């Protein structure tokens, strides 16, 4: 790949993927590993483990989300709104015969879910966890905040299945229709539900 565009495109795509692995990996860690773990720890163990575990995990979690989000936006522009030698403008991957391509529909659906997930991380989950970890939440307020953070994290986990399906569909599936969209949502949610349900059993001797 001798041209600058191809190299920049590859680097941005790589950054988007590796940051996404970091983000979603930590999301699954929190929901599939940490939730069952926290339920098995007493208060003394939580006080010993969580101050060391949670700040590090949440740092990688939230910045993985941010880099994934920003690199994804850049990748979308490079792929769908930029043509080398021509400049900015809708490409053939975005529009064909005055209609949006099915490939672009899949990507935009995935971007919508990914944006909701990013928003939940930065504007709900992280502010709550920061308040809890710094002791700024009152004893009366803390249980409600924990419940909201857990619920939002669980919502993100369920959204991640359809989101990842949509991101892979343009290259490996193609056709976009209401049945295909329903299948993407159904398969994604079912896979996450099975993982969450199994998380309390796997790892036991």
Protein backbone atom coordinates (compact mmCIF):
# COMPACT_ATOMS: atom_id res chain seq x y z
CA UNK A 1 0.00 0.00 0.00
CA UNK A 2 2.21 2.84 -1.22
CA UNK A 3 -0.36 5.64 -0.97
CA UNK A 4 -0.97 7.70 2.16
CA UNK A 5 -4.75 7.17 2.19
CA UNK A 6 -4.52 3.37 2.31
CA UNK A 7 -2.00 3.45 5.14
CA UNK A 8 -3.98 5.96 7.19
CA UNK A 9 -7.17 3.97 6.56
CA UNK A 10 -5.53 0.76 7.78
CA UNK A 11 -4.07 2.39 10.90
CA UNK A 12 -7.40 3.99 11.84
CA UNK A 13 -9.22 0.68 11.28
CA UNK A 14 -6.65 -1.15 13.40
CA UNK A 15 -6.99 1.45 16.16
CA UNK A 16 -10.79 1.16 16.05
CA UNK A 17 -10.65 -2.64 16.33
CA UNK A 18 -8.02 -2.90 19.07
CA UNK A 19 -9.70 -0.17 21.14
CA UNK A 20 -13.03 -1.94 20.62
CA UNK A 21 -11.55 -5.19 21.88
CA UNK A 22 -10.33 -3.36 24.99
CA UNK A 23 -13.71 -1.71 25.57
CA UNK A 24 -16.00 -4.67 24.93
CA UNK A 25 -13.57 -7.02 26.65
CA UNK A 26 -13.84 -4.99 29.84
CA UNK A 27 -17.62 -4.72 29.41
CA UNK A 28 -17.83 -8.51 29.33
CA UNK A 29 -15.38 -8.77 32.22
CA UNK A 30 -17.58 -6.56 34.37
CA UNK A 31 -20.80 -8.42 33.52
CA UNK A 32 -19.62 -12.01 33.13
CA UNK A 33 -16.80 -12.15 35.68
CA UNK A 34 -16.94 -9.26 38.13
CA UNK A 35 -20.67 -9.37 38.94
CA UNK A 36 -20.58 -13.03 40.10
CA UNK A 37 -17.27 -12.34 41.88
CA UNK A 38 -18.63 -9.35 43.81
CA UNK A 39 -21.58 -11.45 44.94
CA UNK A 40 -19.22 -13.97 46.53
CA UNK A 41 -17.06 -11.45 48.41
CA UNK A 42 -17.74 -10.22 51.92
CA UNK A 43 -17.33 -6.55 52.86
CA UNK A 44 -13.74 -6.99 54.05
CA UNK A 45 -12.71 -8.66 50.80
CA UNK A 46 -14.42 -5.97 48.72
CA UNK A 47 -12.55 -3.24 50.62
CA UNK A 48 -9.28 -5.04 49.92
CA UNK A 49 -9.91 -5.94 46.26
CA UNK A 50 -12.01 -3.18 44.71
CA UNK A 51 -9.74 -0.16 45.36
CA UNK A 52 -7.02 -1.97 43.42
CA UNK A 53 -9.21 -3.51 40.74
CA UNK A 54 -11.92 -1.02 39.82
CA UNK A 55 -9.95 2.19 39.07
CA UNK A 56 -7.63 0.32 36.69
CA UNK A 57 -10.43 -1.60 35.00
CA UNK A 58 -12.62 1.51 34.65
CA UNK A 59 -9.72 3.51 33.15
CA UNK A 60 -9.22 1.00 30.35
CA UNK A 61 -12.98 0.59 30.00
CA UNK A 62 -13.86 4.24 29.50
CA UNK A 63 -10.84 5.19 27.36
CA UNK A 64 -11.31 2.09 25.26
CA UNK A 65 -14.83 3.34 24.63
CA UNK A 66 -13.63 6.85 23.75
CA UNK A 67 -10.92 5.73 21.33
CA UNK A 68 -13.29 3.23 19.71
CA UNK A 69 -15.89 5.99 19.25
CA UNK A 70 -13.49 8.59 17.81
CA UNK A 71 -11.63 6.14 15.57
CA UNK A 72 -14.97 4.79 14.36
CA UNK A 73 -16.11 8.27 13.34
CA UNK A 74 -12.84 8.87 11.52
CA UNK A 75 -13.10 5.50 9.79
CA UNK A 76 -16.68 6.23 8.72
CA UNK A 77 -15.60 9.51 7.11
CA UNK A 78 -12.61 7.90 5.38
CA UNK A 79 -14.72 5.05 4.02
CA UNK A 80 -18.06 6.65 3.22
CA UNK A 81 -17.33 10.37 2.78
CA UNK A 82 -13.88 10.59 1.19
CA UNK A 83 -12.55 9.54 -2.20
CA UNK A 84 -8.77 9.75 -2.77
CA UNK A 85 -7.98 12.30 -5.45
CA UNK A 86 -11.50 13.71 -5.33
CA UNK A 87 -12.07 14.84 -1.76
CA UNK A 88 -15.01 14.89 0.59
CA UNK A 89 -18.41 13.72 -0.54
CA UNK A 90 -20.62 10.64 -0.45
CA UNK A 91 -18.85 7.62 -1.92
CA UNK A 92 -20.35 4.70 -3.81
CA UNK A 93 -20.20 2.69 -0.57
CA UNK A 94 -22.67 5.14 0.97
CA UNK A 95 -25.00 5.91 -1.94
CA UNK A 96 -25.94 4.14 -5.17
CA UNK A 97 -28.56 5.37 -7.64
CA UNK A 98 -29.68 8.01 -5.12
CA UNK A 99 -30.29 5.38 -2.43
CA UNK A 100 -28.28 4.44 0.62
CA UNK A 101 -26.45 1.15 0.21
CA UNK A 102 -27.32 -1.81 2.41
CA UNK A 103 -23.71 -1.85 3.57
CA UNK A 104 -24.08 1.71 4.87
CA UNK A 105 -27.39 0.84 6.54
CA UNK A 106 -25.70 -1.90 8.55
CA UNK A 107 -22.84 0.37 9.57
CA UNK A 108 -25.17 3.19 10.59
CA UNK A 109 -27.26 0.79 12.68
CA UNK A 110 -24.10 -0.44 14.40
CA UNK A 111 -22.91 3.14 14.90
CA UNK A 112 -26.22 4.08 16.49
CA UNK A 113 -25.95 1.27 19.05
CA UNK A 114 -22.25 1.99 19.60
CA UNK A 115 -22.97 5.68 20.22
CA UNK A 116 -25.64 4.83 22.79
CA UNK A 117 -23.16 2.52 24.50
CA UNK A 118 -20.41 5.17 24.46
CA UNK A 119 -22.81 7.74 25.93
CA UNK A 120 -23.81 5.31 28.68
CA UNK A 121 -20.17 4.74 29.60
CA UNK A 122 -19.11 8.37 29.76
CA UNK A 123 -22.24 10.05 31.05
CA UNK A 124 -23.87 7.44 33.29
CA UNK A 125 -21.57 4.56 34.31
CA UNK A 126 -18.31 6.44 34.80
CA UNK A 127 -19.76 9.44 36.72
CA UNK A 128 -21.57 7.04 39.06
CA UNK A 129 -18.52 4.83 39.62
CA UNK A 130 -16.34 7.89 40.20
CA UNK A 131 -18.77 9.14 42.84
CA UNK A 132 -18.87 5.73 44.52
CA UNK A 133 -15.11 5.16 44.44
CA UNK A 134 -14.29 8.59 45.85
CA UNK A 135 -16.83 8.22 48.66
CA UNK A 136 -18.88 11.22 47.52
CA UNK A 137 -22.10 9.22 47.40
CA UNK A 138 -24.09 9.26 50.62
CA UNK A 139 -25.06 5.94 52.25
CA UNK A 140 -28.67 6.57 51.24
CA UNK A 141 -27.74 7.43 47.65
CA UNK A 142 -25.16 4.69 47.02
CA UNK A 143 -27.54 1.70 46.57
CA UNK A 144 -29.60 3.56 43.96
CA UNK A 145 -26.46 4.62 42.09
CA UNK A 146 -25.07 1.08 42.09
CA UNK A 147 -28.37 -0.23 40.74
CA UNK A 148 -28.45 2.36 37.95
CA UNK A 149 -24.82 1.70 36.98
CA UNK A 150 -25.41 -2.06 36.95
CA UNK A 151 -28.57 -1.68 34.86
CA UNK A 152 -26.84 0.61 32.34
CA UNK A 153 -23.88 -1.76 32.09
CA UNK A 154 -26.25 -4.67 31.50
CA UNK A 155 -28.06 -2.68 28.78
CA UNK A 156 -24.70 -2.02 27.09
CA UNK A 157 -23.89 -5.72 27.25
CA UNK A 158 -27.12 -6.63 25.46
CA UNK A 159 -26.62 -3.85 22.88
CA UNK A 160 -23.11 -5.11 22.14
CA UNK A 161 -24.38 -8.29 20.48
CA UNK A 162 -26.49 -6.61 17.76
CA UNK A 163 -23.88 -3.84 17.44
CA UNK A 164 -21.08 -6.29 16.64
CA UNK A 165 -23.33 -8.20 14.23
CA UNK A 166 -24.05 -4.95 12.37
CA UNK A 167 -20.37 -4.03 12.17
CA UNK A 168 -19.50 -7.41 10.63
CA UNK A 169 -22.55 -7.69 8.37
CA UNK A 170 -21.39 -5.39 5.52
CA UNK A 171 -18.46 -7.68 4.69
CA UNK A 172 -19.91 -11.04 5.67
CA UNK A 173 -23.69 -10.82 5.30
CA UNK A 174 -24.70 -7.95 3.05
CA UNK A 175 -28.46 -7.79 2.70
CA UNK A 176 -30.30 -5.40 4.99
CA UNK A 177 -34.00 -5.93 5.60
CA UNK A 178 -36.38 -6.00 8.56
CA UNK A 179 -36.03 -9.80 8.90
CA UNK A 180 -32.23 -9.47 8.73
CA UNK A 181 -32.31 -6.69 11.30
CA UNK A 182 -34.54 -8.79 13.54
CA UNK A 183 -32.16 -11.70 13.19
CA UNK A 184 -29.19 -9.48 14.09
CA UNK A 185 -30.94 -8.24 17.22
CA UNK A 186 -32.23 -11.68 18.17
CA UNK A 187 -28.93 -13.52 17.67
CA UNK A 188 -26.96 -10.80 19.42
CA UNK A 189 -29.24 -10.54 22.45
CA UNK A 190 -29.56 -14.33 22.76
CA UNK A 191 -25.79 -14.79 22.71
CA UNK A 192 -25.30 -12.18 25.44
CA UNK A 193 -28.18 -13.61 27.51
CA UNK A 194 -26.62 -17.08 27.33
CA UNK A 195 -23.24 -15.68 28.37
CA UNK A 196 -24.69 -13.81 31.36
CA UNK A 197 -26.73 -16.83 32.44
CA UNK A 198 -23.70 -19.10 32.17
CA UNK A 199 -21.38 -16.69 33.99
CA UNK A 200 -22.56 -17.91 37.39
CA UNK A 201 -21.70 -21.52 36.58
CA UNK A 202 -18.53 -21.53 34.49
CA UNK A 203 -15.28 -21.63 36.42
CA UNK A 204 -16.68 -23.74 39.21
CA UNK A 205 -14.89 -27.01 39.98
